[in-house]
Amino acid sequence: MTWHCPKCAEVVDDDFDLCWSCGTSADGIEDPNFVSADDAEPIPLEPSPEFPDDDPLADFGGTPLPDLVPCYTAKNTIEAKFVADRLCEIGIPALADKIDTNLILGGWKPTMWGYGPRVRIRPEDLGRAETWLKTYVERPDSHGLHKE
């Protein structure tokens, strides 16, 4: 529902107590503190929160990504996400490709040519990731994603 301002005749939504144009109530009472949007000062922007430097992957929103290195080439995007999630669970921040560019280019066996969705991590985590990945690759029956 709406109401018409008794002072300027603007149509105002019932959710508002004052006319958006002149600051008058539906009863015809003018608000002495009303300032129109055209006359108001701009609302200052709040500064963005600072993110800790020790883990730049803690929050991607508005922060630059650090240099990342590929640590694993998956057979598909599902496996890449699975590996990235397992690495995150053991404290190694990881990102998985969301698109398999090999399929876009018409390839069938991405790992055969070194293509396929990749999992990327920070360079300082590479040693720990390689240790976990060695176990992952050697025991394909433990996760069910490597079966041909």
Protein backbone atom coordinates (compact mmCIF):
# COMPACT_ATOMS: atom_id res chain seq x y z
CA MET A 1 0.00 0.00 0.00
CA THR A 2 0.98 3.60 -0.39
CA TRP A 3 0.01 7.04 0.82
CA HIS A 4 0.22 10.50 -0.76
CA CYS A 5 2.26 13.18 0.93
CA PRO A 6 -0.06 16.01 2.06
CA LYS A 7 2.65 18.61 1.32
CA CYS A 8 4.16 17.62 -2.05
CA ALA A 9 1.74 14.87 -3.23
CA GLU A 10 4.51 12.29 -3.77
CA VAL A 11 3.50 8.64 -3.54
CA VAL A 12 5.14 7.05 -0.48
CA ASP A 13 5.30 3.37 0.48
CA ASP A 14 3.47 2.47 3.73
CA ASP A 15 6.75 1.18 5.16
CA PHE A 16 7.95 4.81 5.45
CA ASP A 17 6.86 7.26 8.15
CA LEU A 18 8.06 10.30 6.22
CA CYS A 19 7.85 11.40 2.61
CA TRP A 20 11.13 10.65 0.87
CA SER A 21 10.92 13.93 -1.03
CA CYS A 22 10.08 16.53 1.63
CA GLY A 23 10.17 14.83 5.05
CA THR A 24 6.49 15.28 5.87
CA SER A 25 4.49 12.58 7.68
CA ALA A 26 1.16 11.23 6.45
CA ASP A 27 -0.49 13.45 9.11
CA GLY A 28 1.11 16.57 7.57
CA ILE A 29 3.79 17.10 10.24
CA GLU A 30 7.14 18.24 8.80
CA ASP A 31 10.33 16.80 10.29
CA PRO A 32 12.62 19.76 11.11
CA ASN A 33 15.75 17.54 10.82
CA PHE A 34 14.90 16.14 7.38
CA VAL A 35 17.58 16.51 4.69
CA SER A 36 16.85 15.44 1.13
CA ALA A 37 19.18 13.01 -0.59
CA ASP A 38 20.26 15.78 -2.98
CA ASP A 39 21.30 18.02 -0.07
CA ALA A 40 22.86 15.37 2.17
CA GLU A 41 26.60 14.79 2.41
CA PRO A 42 27.89 11.51 1.00
CA ILE A 43 28.00 8.67 3.50
CA PRO A 44 31.66 7.92 4.25
CA LEU A 45 32.84 4.46 3.31
CA GLU A 46 33.96 2.22 6.12
CA PRO A 47 37.53 0.98 5.73
CA SER A 48 37.95 -2.62 4.68
CA PRO A 49 39.11 -4.94 7.42
CA GLU A 50 42.76 -5.89 7.31
CA PHE A 51 43.51 -9.57 6.87
CA PRO A 52 46.40 -11.26 8.62
CA ASP A 53 49.55 -11.69 6.53
CA ASP A 54 50.33 -15.14 7.91
CA ASP A 55 47.58 -16.90 5.92
CA PRO A 56 46.58 -15.04 2.75
CA LEU A 57 44.24 -17.89 1.78
CA ALA A 58 42.14 -17.41 4.92
CA ASP A 59 39.70 -15.16 3.06
CA PHE A 60 39.62 -14.50 -0.67
CA GLY A 61 37.07 -11.67 -0.52
CA GLY A 62 38.90 -8.64 -1.84
CA THR A 63 42.37 -9.91 -1.02
CA PRO A 64 45.03 -10.68 -3.61
CA LEU A 65 45.90 -14.33 -4.00
CA PRO A 66 49.46 -15.28 -3.12
CA ASP A 67 51.75 -17.01 -5.59
CA LEU A 68 50.53 -20.58 -5.87
CA VAL A 69 52.20 -23.67 -7.28
CA PRO A 70 50.49 -26.70 -8.78
CA CYS A 71 50.93 -29.83 -6.68
CA TYR A 72 48.55 -32.28 -8.36
CA THR A 73 46.89 -32.84 -11.74
CA ALA A 74 43.52 -34.53 -11.32
CA LYS A 75 41.52 -36.64 -13.73
CA ASN A 76 38.49 -34.34 -13.39
CA THR A 77 37.23 -31.35 -11.43
CA ILE A 78 35.55 -33.59 -8.85
CA GLU A 79 38.84 -35.27 -7.98
CA ALA A 80 40.63 -31.89 -7.91
CA LYS A 81 38.07 -30.57 -5.42
CA PHE A 82 38.33 -33.76 -3.36
CA VAL A 83 42.13 -33.47 -3.13
CA ALA A 84 41.99 -29.75 -2.31
CA ASP A 85 39.45 -30.42 0.45
CA ARG A 86 41.59 -33.20 1.95
CA LEU A 87 44.66 -30.93 1.90
CA CYS A 88 42.68 -28.19 3.64
CA GLU A 89 41.59 -30.68 6.28
CA ILE A 90 45.22 -31.36 7.21
CA GLY A 91 46.04 -27.65 7.37
CA ILE A 92 47.33 -27.01 3.84
CA PRO A 93 45.23 -24.29 2.14
CA ALA A 94 44.54 -25.47 -1.42
CA LEU A 95 42.57 -24.36 -4.47
CA ALA A 96 41.18 -26.65 -7.15
CA ASP A 97 40.49 -25.66 -10.76
CA LYS A 98 36.76 -25.43 -11.31
CA ILE A 99 37.01 -25.93 -15.07
CA ASP A 100 38.65 -28.80 -16.90
CA THR A 101 40.20 -27.00 -19.86
CA ASN A 102 41.22 -30.34 -21.35
CA LEU A 103 37.57 -31.25 -21.92
CA ILE A 104 36.95 -27.88 -23.52
CA LEU A 105 39.76 -28.61 -25.96
CA GLY A 106 38.34 -32.07 -26.68
CA GLY A 107 40.90 -34.24 -24.86
CA TRP A 108 40.05 -37.57 -23.27
CA LYS A 109 42.92 -38.41 -20.92
CA PRO A 110 44.12 -35.16 -19.40
CA THR A 111 46.88 -36.62 -17.23
CA MET A 112 48.39 -38.37 -20.26
CA TRP A 113 49.55 -35.01 -21.65
CA GLY A 114 49.96 -33.25 -18.32
CA TYR A 115 46.68 -31.39 -18.65
CA GLY A 116 43.64 -31.54 -16.46
CA PRO A 117 42.32 -29.67 -13.46
CA ARG A 118 45.08 -28.79 -11.04
CA VAL A 119 45.28 -28.35 -7.32
CA ARG A 120 47.39 -25.38 -6.27
CA ILE A 121 48.97 -24.53 -2.93
CA ARG A 122 51.44 -22.08 -1.41
CA PRO A 123 55.08 -22.92 -2.23
CA GLU A 124 55.98 -23.33 1.44
CA ASP A 125 53.39 -26.13 1.77
CA LEU A 126 54.68 -28.17 -1.18
CA GLY A 127 56.75 -30.65 0.86
CA ARG A 128 53.88 -31.51 3.21
CA ALA A 129 51.43 -31.77 0.31
CA GLU A 130 53.72 -34.09 -1.66
CA THR A 131 53.95 -36.41 1.36
CA TRP A 132 50.16 -36.63 1.60
CA LEU A 133 49.76 -36.95 -2.18
CA LYS A 134 52.20 -39.87 -2.30
CA THR A 135 49.94 -41.82 0.05
CA TYR A 136 46.86 -40.71 -1.88
CA VAL A 137 48.26 -41.94 -5.22
CA GLU A 138 49.62 -45.22 -3.79
CA ARG A 139 46.31 -46.19 -2.17
CA PRO A 140 43.64 -45.54 -4.83
CA ASP A 141 41.29 -48.05 -3.20
CA SER A 142 41.07 -45.89 -0.06
CA HIS A 143 39.16 -43.06 -1.74
CA GLY A 144 37.46 -44.60 -4.76
CA LEU A 145 38.31 -41.81 -7.19
CA HIS A 146 41.23 -43.43 -9.04
CA LYS A 147 39.45 -46.51 -10.32
CA GLU A 148 39.67 -46.79 -14.08
